[in-house]
PDB file of N, CA and C in Angstrom:
ATOM      1  N   MET A   1      59.787 -34.439-269.960  1.00  0.00           N
ATOM      2  CA  MET A   1      60.368 -32.835-270.699  1.00  0.00           C
ATOM      3  C   MET A   1      60.279 -32.250-270.026  1.00  0.00           C
ATOM      4  N   THR A   2      60.793 -31.121-269.476  1.00  0.00           N
ATOM      5  CA  THR A   2      60.638 -29.838-268.616  1.00  0.00           C
ATOM      6  C   THR A   2      59.846 -29.083-269.781  1.00  0.00           C
ATOM      7  N   ILE A   3      59.441 -28.005-269.154  1.00  0.00           N
ATOM      8  CA  ILE A   3      58.430 -27.321-269.891  1.00  0.00           C
ATOM      9  C   ILE A   3      59.324 -26.135-270.663  1.00  0.00           C
ATOM     10  N   VAL A   4      60.743 -25.977-270.047  1.00  0.00           N
ATOM     11  CA  VAL A   4      61.551 -25.236-271.013  1.00  0.00           C
ATOM     12  C   VAL A   4      62.382 -25.858-271.845  1.00  0.00           C
ATOM     13  N   ASP A   5      62.713 -27.054-271.969  1.00  0.00           N
ATOM     14  CA  ASP A   5      63.099 -27.727-272.939  1.00  0.00           C
ATOM     15  C   ASP A   5      61.951 -27.948-274.000  1.00  0.00           C
ATOM     16  N   LEU A   6      60.346 -28.039-273.774  1.00  0.00           N
ATOM     17  CA  LEU A   6      59.141 -28.069-274.683  1.00  0.00           C
ATOM     18  C   LEU A   6      59.404 -26.867-275.165  1.00  0.00           C
ATOM     19  N   LEU A   7      59.670 -26.096-274.732  1.00  0.00           N
ATOM     20  CA  LEU A   7      59.268 -24.493-275.519  1.00  0.00           C
ATOM     21  C   LEU A   7      60.463 -24.356-276.047  1.00  0.00           C
ATOM     22  N   GLU A   8      61.602 -24.508-275.984  1.00  0.00           N
ATOM     23  CA  GLU A   8      62.613 -24.587-276.887  1.00  0.00           C
ATOM     24  C   GLU A   8      62.491 -25.335-278.074  1.00  0.00           C
ATOM     25  N   GLU A   9      62.061 -26.199-277.724  1.00  0.00           N
ATOM     26  CA  GLU A   9      62.019 -27.211-278.981  1.00  0.00           C
ATOM     27  C   GLU A   9      61.172 -26.548-280.208  1.00  0.00           C
ATOM     28  N   VAL A  10      59.880 -26.165-279.426  1.00  0.00           N
ATOM     29  CA  VAL A  10      58.780 -25.481-280.059  1.00  0.00           C
ATOM     30  C   VAL A  10      59.072 -24.446-280.904  1.00  0.00           C
ATOM     31  N   LYS A  11      59.684 -23.300-280.238  1.00  0.00           N
ATOM     32  CA  LYS A  11      59.902 -22.188-280.657  1.00  0.00           C
ATOM     33  C   LYS A  11      61.023 -22.118-282.035  1.00  0.00           C
ATOM     34  N   THR A  12      62.125 -23.077-281.684  1.00  0.00           N
ATOM     35  CA  THR A  12      63.138 -23.217-282.645  1.00  0.00           C
ATOM     36  C   THR A  12      62.833 -24.028-283.816  1.00  0.00           C
ATOM     37  N   ASP A  13      61.543 -25.065-283.985  1.00  0.00           N
ATOM     38  CA  ASP A  13      60.853 -25.571-285.089  1.00  0.00           C
ATOM     39  C   ASP A  13      59.911 -24.570-285.457  1.00  0.00           C
ATOM     40  N   SER A  14      59.225 -24.346-285.342  1.00  0.00           N
ATOM     41  CA  SER A  14      58.185 -23.080-285.166  1.00  0.00           C
ATOM     42  C   SER A  14      59.155 -21.981-286.183  1.00  0.00           C
ATOM     43  N   SER A  15      60.192 -21.624-285.745  1.00  0.00           N
ATOM     44  CA  SER A  15      60.906 -20.399-286.306  1.00  0.00           C
ATOM     45  C   SER A  15      61.304 -20.656-287.661  1.00  0.00           C
ATOM     46  N   LYS A  16      62.062 -22.033-287.890  1.00  0.00           N
ATOM     47  CA  LYS A  16      62.060 -22.976-288.699  1.00  0.00           C
ATOM     48  C   LYS A  16      61.261 -22.524-289.897  1.00  0.00           C
ATOM     49  N   TRP A  17      60.334 -23.534-289.335  1.00  0.00           N
ATOM     50  CA  TRP A  17      58.899 -23.541-290.046  1.00  0.00           C
ATOM     51  C   TRP A  17      58.704 -22.228-290.702  1.00  0.00           C
ATOM     52  N   MET A  18      58.318 -21.364-289.813  1.00  0.00           N
ATOM     53  CA  MET A  18      58.006 -19.676-290.438  1.00  0.00           C
ATOM     54  C   MET A  18      58.895 -19.206-291.527  1.00  0.00           C
ATOM     55  N   LYS A  19      60.206 -19.577-291.481  1.00  0.00           N
ATOM     56  CA  LYS A  19      61.103 -18.820-292.325  1.00  0.00           C
ATOM     57  C   LYS A  19      61.046 -19.710-293.654  1.00  0.00           C
ATOM     58  N   LYS A  20      60.604 -20.663-293.608  1.00  0.00           N
ATOM     59  CA  LYS A  20      60.630 -21.340-295.103  1.00  0.00           C
ATOM     60  C   LYS A  20      59.183 -21.214-296.006  1.00  0.00           C
ATOM     61  N   ARG A  21      58.217 -20.709-294.968  1.00  0.00           N
ATOM     62  CA  ARG A  21      56.583 -20.088-296.195  1.00  0.00           C
ATOM     63  C   ARG A  21      57.092 -18.973-296.932  1.00  0.00           C
ATOM     64  N   ALA A  22      57.712 -17.819-296.296  1.00  0.00           N
ATOM     65  CA  ALA A  22      57.957 -16.829-297.319  1.00  0.00           C
ATOM     66  C   ALA A  22      59.198 -15.888-296.946  1.00  0.00           C
ATOM     67  N   ASP A  23      59.638 -15.210-298.037  1.00  0.00           N
ATOM     68  CA  ASP A  23      60.615 -14.457-298.178  1.00  0.00           C
ATOM     69  C   ASP A  23      60.541 -13.538-296.783  1.00  0.00           C
ATOM     70  N   GLU A  24      59.609 -12.861-296.783  1.00  0.00           N
ATOM     71  CA  GLU A  24      59.335 -11.736-295.944  1.00  0.00           C
ATOM     72  C   GLU A  24      59.542 -12.070-294.092  1.00  0.00           C
ATOM     73  N   LEU A  25      59.348 -13.515-294.223  1.00  0.00           N
ATOM     74  CA  LEU A  25      59.302 -13.981-292.976  1.00  0.00           C
ATOM     75  C   LEU A  25      60.962 -14.938-292.889  1.00  0.00           C
ATOM     76  N   LYS A  26      61.701 -14.282-293.627  1.00  0.00           N
ATOM     77  CA  LYS A  26      62.931 -14.744-293.200  1.00  0.00           C
ATOM     78  C   LYS A  26      64.046 -14.301-291.821  1.00  0.00           C
ATOM     79  N   ASN A  27      63.205 -13.058-291.708  1.00  0.00           N
ATOM     80  CA  ASN A  27      63.829 -12.572-289.877  1.00  0.00           C
ATOM     81  C   ASN A  27      63.089 -13.148-288.930  1.00  0.00           C
ATOM     82  N   PHE A  28      61.887 -13.844-289.123  1.00  0.00           N
ATOM     83  CA  PHE A  28      61.221 -14.398-287.994  1.00  0.00           C
ATOM     84  C   PHE A  28      61.975 -14.870-286.692  1.00  0.00           C
ATOM     85  N   TYR A  29      61.521 -14.182-285.494  1.00  0.00           N
ATOM     86  CA  TYR A  29      61.812 -14.803-284.047  1.00  0.00           C
ATOM     87  C   TYR A  29      61.104 -14.422-283.237  1.00  0.00           C
ATOM     88  N   TRP A  30      60.968 -15.656-282.553  1.00  0.00           N
ATOM     89  CA  TRP A  30      60.217 -15.566-281.339  1.00  0.00           C
ATOM     90  C   TRP A  30      61.181 -14.734-279.825  1.00  0.00           C
ATOM     91  N   GLN A  31      60.651 -13.946-279.614  1.00  0.00           N
ATOM     92  CA  GLN A  31      60.717 -13.091-278.427  1.00  0.00           C
ATOM     93  C   GLN A  31      61.449 -14.058-277.038  1.00  0.00           C
ATOM     94  N   ASP A  32      62.424 -13.572-276.413  1.00  0.00           N
ATOM     95  CA  ASP A  32      62.832 -14.158-275.231  1.00  0.00           C
ATOM     96  C   ASP A  32      61.779 -14.512-274.539  1.00  0.00           C
ATOM     97  N   GLY A  33      62.016 -15.803-273.496  1.00  0.00           N
ATOM     98  CA  GLY A  33      60.809 -15.914-272.528  1.00  0.00           C
ATOM     99  C   GLY A  33      59.592 -16.747-272.881  1.00  0.00           C
ATOM    100  N   TYR A  34      58.738 -16.591-271.698  1.00  0.00           N
ATOM    101  CA  TYR A  34      57.793 -17.429-272.288  1.00  0.00           C
ATOM    102  C   TYR A  34      56.841 -17.501-270.803  1.00  0.00           C
ATOM    103  N   GLY A  35      55.541 -17.757-270.660  1.00  0.00           N
ATOM    104  CA  GLY A  35      54.777 -17.791-270.157  1.00  0.00           C
ATOM    105  C   GLY A  35      53.965 -19.148-270.294  1.00  0.00           C
ATOM    106  N   ALA A  36      53.801 -19.773-269.139  1.00  0.00           N
ATOM    107  CA  ALA A  36      52.946 -21.359-269.114  1.00  0.00           C
ATOM    108  C   ALA A  36      52.176 -21.269-268.007  1.00  0.00           C
ATOM    109  N   PHE A  37      50.843 -21.652-268.315  1.00  0.00           N
ATOM    110  CA  PHE A  37      49.856 -22.113-267.037  1.00  0.00           C
ATOM    111  C   PHE A  37      49.285 -23.601-267.305  1.00  0.00           C
ATOM    112  N   SER A  38      49.130 -24.440-266.135  1.00  0.00           N
ATOM    113  CA  SER A  38      48.574 -25.435-266.460  1.00  0.00           C
ATOM    114  C   SER A  38      47.212 -25.300-265.868  1.00  0.00           C
ATOM    115  N   VAL A  39      46.716 -26.081-266.600  1.00  0.00           N
ATOM    116  CA  VAL A  39      44.976 -26.437-266.681  1.00  0.00           C
ATOM    117  C   VAL A  39      44.272 -27.622-266.005  1.00  0.00           C
ATOM    118  N   ASN A  40      43.754 -27.256-264.777  1.00  0.00           N
ATOM    119  CA  ASN A  40      42.974 -28.500-264.084  1.00  0.00           C
ATOM    120  C   ASN A  40      42.070 -29.581-265.316  1.00  0.00           C
ATOM    121  N   PRO A  41      42.278 -30.731-265.125  1.00  0.00           N
ATOM    122  CA  PRO A  41      41.519 -31.618-266.174  1.00  0.00           C
ATOM    123  C   PRO A  41      40.131 -31.245-266.743  1.00  0.00           C
ATOM    124  N   SER A  42      39.658 -30.809-265.107  1.00  0.00           N
ATOM    125  CA  SER A  42      38.078 -30.337-265.020  1.00  0.00           C
ATOM    126  C   SER A  42      37.762 -29.572-266.067  1.00  0.00           C
ATOM    127  N   GLU A  43      38.413 -28.620-266.309  1.00  0.00           N
ATOM    128  CA  GLU A  43      38.143 -27.587-267.011  1.00  0.00           C
ATOM    129  C   GLU A  43      38.810 -26.873-268.223  1.00  0.00           C
ATOM    130  N   VAL A  44      39.124 -28.384-268.437  1.00  0.00           N
ATOM    131  CA  VAL A  44      39.628 -28.587-270.352  1.00  0.00           C
ATOM    132  C   VAL A  44      38.676 -28.127-271.113  1.00  0.00           C
ATOM    133  N   ASP A  45      37.298 -28.538-271.217  1.00  0.00           N
ATOM    134  CA  ASP A  45      36.698 -27.948-272.059  1.00  0.00           C
ATOM    135  C   ASP A  45      36.351 -26.418-271.896  1.00  0.00           C
ATOM    136  N   MET A  46      35.998 -25.664-270.835  1.00  0.00           N
ATOM    137  CA  MET A  46      35.943 -24.281-270.823  1.00  0.00           C
ATOM    138  C   MET A  46      37.177 -23.674-271.480  1.00  0.00           C
ATOM    139  N   VAL A  47      38.515 -24.377-271.288  1.00  0.00           N
ATOM    140  CA  VAL A  47      39.729 -23.436-271.785  1.00  0.00           C
ATOM    141  C   VAL A  47      39.512 -23.567-273.489  1.00  0.00           C
ATOM    142  N   THR A  48      38.987 -24.772-273.852  1.00  0.00           N
ATOM    143  CA  THR A  48      38.632 -25.300-275.074  1.00  0.00           C
ATOM    144  C   THR A  48      37.983 -24.409-275.886  1.00  0.00           C
ATOM    145  N   GLU A  49      36.574 -23.823-274.833  1.00  0.00           N
ATOM    146  CA  GLU A  49      35.814 -22.887-275.671  1.00  0.00           C
ATOM    147  C   GLU A  49      36.316 -21.718-275.653  1.00  0.00           C
ATOM    148  N   TYR A  50      36.929 -21.221-274.568  1.00  0.00           N
ATOM    149  CA  TYR A  50      37.683 -19.815-274.581  1.00  0.00           C
ATOM    150  C   TYR A  50      38.704 -19.730-275.916  1.00  0.00           C
ATOM    151  N   ILE A  51      39.491 -20.828-276.037  1.00  0.00           N
ATOM    152  CA  ILE A  51      40.402 -20.421-277.204  1.00  0.00           C
ATOM    153  C   ILE A  51      39.821 -20.304-278.607  1.00  0.00           C
ATOM    154  N   GLN A  52      38.673 -21.149-278.808  1.00  0.00           N
ATOM    155  CA  GLN A  52      37.648 -21.071-279.704  1.00  0.00           C
ATOM    156  C   GLN A  52      37.244 -19.562-280.377  1.00  0.00           C
ATOM    157  N   ASN A  53      36.396 -18.801-278.858  1.00  0.00           N
ATOM    158  CA  ASN A  53      36.560 -17.796-278.570  1.00  0.00           C
ATOM    159  C   ASN A  53      37.489 -16.547-278.724  1.00  0.00           C
ATOM    160  N   GLN A  54      38.288 -16.659-278.893  1.00  0.00           N
ATOM    161  CA  GLN A  54      39.396 -15.909-278.450  1.00  0.00           C
ATOM    162  C   GLN A  54      39.681 -14.694-279.230  1.00  0.00           C
ATOM    163  N   ARG A  55      39.105 -14.696-280.527  1.00  0.00           N
ATOM    164  CA  ARG A  55      38.959 -13.523-281.208  1.00  0.00           C
ATOM    165  C   ARG A  55      38.322 -12.390-280.993  1.00  0.00           C
ATOM    166  N   GLU A  56      37.028 -13.237-280.310  1.00  0.00           N
ATOM    167  CA  GLU A  56      35.672 -12.164-280.046  1.00  0.00           C
ATOM    168  C   GLU A  56      36.439 -11.792-278.768  1.00  0.00           C
ATOM    169  N   HIS A  57      36.878 -12.443-277.758  1.00  0.00           N
ATOM    170  CA  HIS A  57      37.246 -11.989-276.353  1.00  0.00           C
ATOM    171  C   HIS A  57      38.145 -10.893-276.626  1.00  0.00           C
ATOM    172  N   HIS A  58      39.209 -10.825-277.437  1.00  0.00           N
ATOM    173  CA  HIS A  58      39.883  -9.907-277.493  1.00  0.00           C
ATOM    174  C   HIS A  58      40.049  -8.369-277.940  1.00  0.00           C
ATOM    175  N   SER A  59      38.608  -8.703-278.662  1.00  0.00           N
ATOM    176  CA  SER A  59      38.240  -7.191-279.236  1.00  0.00           C
ATOM    177  C   SER A  59      37.772  -6.167-277.796  1.00  0.00           C
ATOM    178  N   THR A  60      37.702  -6.977-276.903  1.00  0.00           N
ATOM    179  CA  THR A  60      37.349  -6.187-275.704  1.00  0.00           C
ATOM    180  C   THR A  60      38.238  -6.180-274.842  1.00  0.00           C
ATOM    181  N   LYS A  61      39.073  -6.948-274.680  1.00  0.00           N
ATOM    182  CA  LYS A  61      40.142  -6.732-273.513  1.00  0.00           C
ATOM    183  C   LYS A  61      41.561  -7.501-274.309  1.00  0.00           C
ATOM    184  N   THR A  62      42.906  -6.600-273.998  1.00  0.00           N
ATOM    185  CA  THR A  62      43.829  -6.740-274.686  1.00  0.00           C
ATOM    186  C   THR A  62      44.624  -8.184-274.663  1.00  0.00           C
ATOM    187  N   PHE A  63      45.279  -8.782-275.298  1.00  0.00           N
ATOM    188  CA  PHE A  63      46.023  -9.861-274.521  1.00  0.00           C
ATOM    189  C   PHE A  63      46.775  -9.666-273.238  1.00  0.00           C
ATOM    190  N   GLN A  64      47.638  -8.338-273.708  1.00  0.00           N
ATOM    191  CA  GLN A  64      48.180  -7.531-272.758  1.00  0.00           C
ATOM    192  C   GLN A  64      47.603  -7.505-271.144  1.00  0.00           C
ATOM    193  N   ASP A  65      46.358  -6.905-270.916  1.00  0.00           N
ATOM    194  CA  ASP A  65      45.682  -6.699-270.253  1.00  0.00           C
ATOM    195  C   ASP A  65      45.386  -8.003-269.689  1.00  0.00           C
ATOM    196  N   GLU A  66      44.926  -9.056-270.493  1.00  0.00           N
ATOM    197  CA  GLU A  66      44.377 -10.293-269.548  1.00  0.00           C
ATOM    198  C   GLU A  66      45.603 -11.092-268.985  1.00  0.00           C
ATOM    199  N   TYR A  67      46.655 -11.209-269.713  1.00  0.00           N
ATOM    200  CA  TYR A  67      47.957 -11.826-269.393  1.00  0.00           C
ATOM    201  C   TYR A  67      48.486 -11.062-267.763  1.00  0.00           C
ATOM    202  N   ARG A  68      48.420  -9.743-267.672  1.00  0.00           N
ATOM    203  CA  ARG A  68      48.741  -9.350-266.546  1.00  0.00           C
ATOM    204  C   ARG A  68      47.231  -9.622-265.130  1.00  0.00           C
ATOM    205  N   ALA A  69      45.983  -9.595-265.710  1.00  0.00           N
ATOM    206  CA  ALA A  69      45.383 -10.129-264.658  1.00  0.00           C
ATOM    207  C   ALA A  69      45.512 -11.748-264.779  1.00  0.00           C
ATOM    208  N   PHE A  70      45.970 -12.613-265.204  1.00  0.00           N
ATOM    209  CA  PHE A  70      46.040 -13.563-265.011  1.00  0.00           C
ATOM    210  C   PHE A  70      47.433 -13.576-264.107  1.00  0.00           C
ATOM    211  N   LEU A  71      48.477 -13.068-264.187  1.00  0.00           N
ATOM    212  CA  LEU A  71      49.951 -12.959-263.141  1.00  0.00           C
ATOM    213  C   LEU A  71      49.450 -12.425-262.078  1.00  0.00           C
ATOM    214  N   LYS A  72      48.659 -11.462-261.878  1.00  0.00           N
ATOM    215  CA  LYS A  72      47.670 -11.031-260.601  1.00  0.00           C
ATOM    216  C   LYS A  72      46.972 -11.622-259.727  1.00  0.00           C
ATOM    217  N   LYS A  73      45.983 -12.672-260.526  1.00  0.00           N
ATOM    218  CA  LYS A  73      45.458 -13.472-260.239  1.00  0.00           C
ATOM    219  C   LYS A  73      46.165 -14.675-259.445  1.00  0.00           C
ATOM    220  N   TYR A  74      47.102 -15.164-259.817  1.00  0.00           N
ATOM    221  CA  TYR A  74      47.793 -16.365-259.484  1.00  0.00           C
ATOM    222  C   TYR A  74      49.080 -15.691-258.798  1.00  0.00           C
ATOM    223  N   LYS A  75      49.159 -14.285-258.317  1.00  0.00           N
ATOM    224  CA  LYS A  75      50.263 -13.919-257.474  1.00  0.00           C
ATOM    225  C   LYS A  75      51.676 -13.742-258.365  1.00  0.00           C
ATOM    226  N   VAL A  76      51.735 -14.406-258.918  1.00  0.00           N
ATOM    227  CA  VAL A  76      52.841 -14.491-260.283  1.00  0.00           C
ATOM    228  C   VAL A  76      53.655 -12.909-259.873  1.00  0.00           C
ATOM    229  N   GLU A  77      55.124 -12.794-259.417  1.00  0.00           N
ATOM    230  CA  GLU A  77      55.911 -11.551-259.708  1.00  0.00           C
ATOM    231  C   GLU A  77      56.405 -11.259-261.250  1.00  0.00           C
ATOM    232  N   TYR A  78      56.126 -10.492-261.490  1.00  0.00           N
ATOM    233  CA  TYR A  78      56.620  -9.730-262.701  1.00  0.00           C
ATOM    234  C   TYR A  78      57.268  -8.522-262.900  1.00  0.00           C
ATOM    235  N   ASP A  79      58.423  -8.496-263.898  1.00  0.00           N
ATOM    236  CA  ASP A  79      58.673  -7.172-264.167  1.00  0.00           C
ATOM    237  C   ASP A  79      58.320  -6.507-265.688  1.00  0.00           C
ATOM    238  N   GLU A  80      57.600  -5.481-265.824  1.00  0.00           N
ATOM    239  CA  GLU A  80      56.666  -5.382-266.981  1.00  0.00           C
ATOM    240  C   GLU A  80      57.740  -5.138-268.001  1.00  0.00           C
ATOM    241  N   ARG A  81      58.934  -4.701-267.217  1.00  0.00           N
ATOM    242  CA  ARG A  81      60.037  -4.604-268.707  1.00  0.00           C
ATOM    243  C   ARG A  81      60.543  -6.014-269.313  1.00  0.00           C
ATOM    244  N   TYR A  82      60.615  -7.213-268.557  1.00  0.00           N
ATOM    245  CA  TYR A  82      60.903  -7.939-269.260  1.00  0.00           C
ATOM    246  C   TYR A  82      59.627  -8.884-269.796  1.00  0.00           C
ATOM    247  N   VAL A  83      58.032  -8.606-269.854  1.00  0.00           N
ATOM    248  CA  VAL A  83      57.057  -8.926-270.186  1.00  0.00           C
ATOM    249  C   VAL A  83      57.108  -9.519-271.522  1.00  0.00           C
ATOM    250  N   TRP A  84      57.147  -8.005-272.110  1.00  0.00           N
ATOM    251  CA  TRP A  84      56.874  -7.584-273.452  1.00  0.00           C
ATOM    252  C   TRP A  84      58.007  -7.892-274.259  1.00  0.00           C
ATOM    253  N   GLY A  85      59.287  -8.170-273.866  1.00  0.00           N
ATOM    254  CA  GLY A  85      60.349  -8.499-274.726  1.00  0.00           C
ATOM    255  C   GLY A  85      60.651  -7.571-275.672  1.00  0.00           C
TER     256      GLY A  85
END
């Protein structure tokens, strides 16, 4: 399965799930697009720890700033107008 097919399925199914949870979520939708990064198997433990401490981490650095840093680090060209949809 390609990443694009996987993400389309996840976004579709999770949107349907969210909309069934509460009336105020009936207009829930995901923005267009996505970002995907692979992880070296030797770094899975480090990534897992990062995810577990994400709330604390994002108290000092916003998600947007961190995402921009990933894009810069891995030399991914992007247009800011389309990143935050």
